[in-house]
C-alpha cells in the first residue's frame, strides 16, 4: 500500500511542477507588457484595468516564488 501511495504522490508532484512550468511563458509575457506600460511618459502613463490585472499576475507570481521550497 505505501509504495502505491508514494507513486501517487510522486506523480502528483510531477503534475504540479508541469503546471507551474506552463505558467512561466504567460507570466513572462505579462511582465514584459507591464514593463512596456510603465515606460510610457506623461499623458500616456495611465493606470487602467489592463494594468491592474497585469499587476495582479505579478503579485501572484511573486507570492508563489516566495512560497516554493521544493
Protein backbone atom coordinates (compact mmCIF):
# COMPACT_ATOMS: atom_id res chain seq x y z
CA UNK A 1 0.00 0.00 0.00
CA UNK A 2 2.73 2.50 0.90
CA UNK A 3 4.67 2.12 -2.40
CA UNK A 4 1.45 2.75 -4.33
CA UNK A 5 0.77 5.88 -2.28
CA UNK A 6 4.33 7.06 -2.82
CA UNK A 7 3.94 6.61 -6.57
CA UNK A 8 0.72 8.60 -6.49
CA UNK A 9 2.39 11.40 -4.54
CA UNK A 10 5.37 11.48 -6.90
CA UNK A 11 3.09 11.61 -9.94
CA UNK A 12 1.03 14.39 -8.35
CA UNK A 13 4.17 16.40 -7.55
CA UNK A 14 5.32 15.98 -11.15
CA UNK A 15 1.90 17.08 -12.44
CA UNK A 16 2.04 20.20 -10.26
CA UNK A 17 5.59 21.00 -11.37
CA UNK A 18 4.49 20.80 -15.00
CA UNK A 19 1.53 23.06 -14.25
CA UNK A 20 3.86 25.64 -12.70
CA UNK A 21 6.18 25.44 -15.71
CA UNK A 22 3.25 26.01 -18.06
CA UNK A 23 2.61 29.35 -16.32
CA UNK A 24 6.12 30.68 -16.94
CA UNK A 25 5.52 31.85 -20.53
CA UNK A 26 2.28 33.75 -19.82
CA UNK A 27 3.90 35.29 -16.74
CA UNK A 28 6.90 36.39 -18.78
CA UNK A 29 4.56 37.99 -21.32
CA UNK A 30 2.64 39.76 -18.55
CA UNK A 31 5.89 41.10 -17.06
CA UNK A 32 7.01 42.38 -20.47
CA UNK A 33 3.66 44.08 -21.07
CA UNK A 34 3.75 45.69 -17.65
CA UNK A 35 7.31 46.91 -18.19
CA UNK A 36 6.31 48.40 -21.55
CA UNK A 37 3.34 50.16 -19.99
CA UNK A 38 5.46 51.58 -17.18
CA UNK A 39 7.94 53.07 -19.67
CA UNK A 40 5.26 55.33 -21.08
CA UNK A 41 5.64 59.03 -20.49
CA UNK A 42 3.36 61.89 -19.46
CA UNK A 43 -0.20 61.59 -20.75
CA UNK A 44 0.30 58.02 -21.97
CA UNK A 45 1.19 56.89 -18.48
CA UNK A 46 -2.18 55.75 -17.11
CA UNK A 47 -3.17 53.07 -14.67
CA UNK A 48 -6.20 51.31 -16.10
CA UNK A 49 -7.94 47.94 -15.83
CA UNK A 50 -5.43 46.00 -18.00
CA UNK A 51 -2.50 47.33 -15.99
CA UNK A 52 -4.22 46.44 -12.73
CA UNK A 53 -4.74 42.89 -14.00
CA UNK A 54 -1.07 42.65 -15.01
CA UNK A 55 -0.10 43.82 -11.53
CA UNK A 56 -2.28 41.09 -10.01
CA UNK A 57 -0.49 38.45 -12.09
CA UNK A 58 2.84 39.83 -10.90
CA UNK A 59 1.78 39.73 -7.26
CA UNK A 60 0.55 36.15 -7.58
CA UNK A 61 3.77 35.05 -9.21
CA UNK A 62 5.90 36.81 -6.58
CA UNK A 63 3.97 35.20 -3.74
CA UNK A 64 4.50 31.83 -5.39
CA UNK A 65 8.24 32.43 -5.73
CA UNK A 66 8.48 33.15 -2.00
CA UNK A 67 6.46 30.09 -1.00
CA UNK A 68 8.09 27.44 -3.19
CA UNK A 69 10.64 25.44 -1.28
CA UNK A 70 10.67 22.18 -3.25
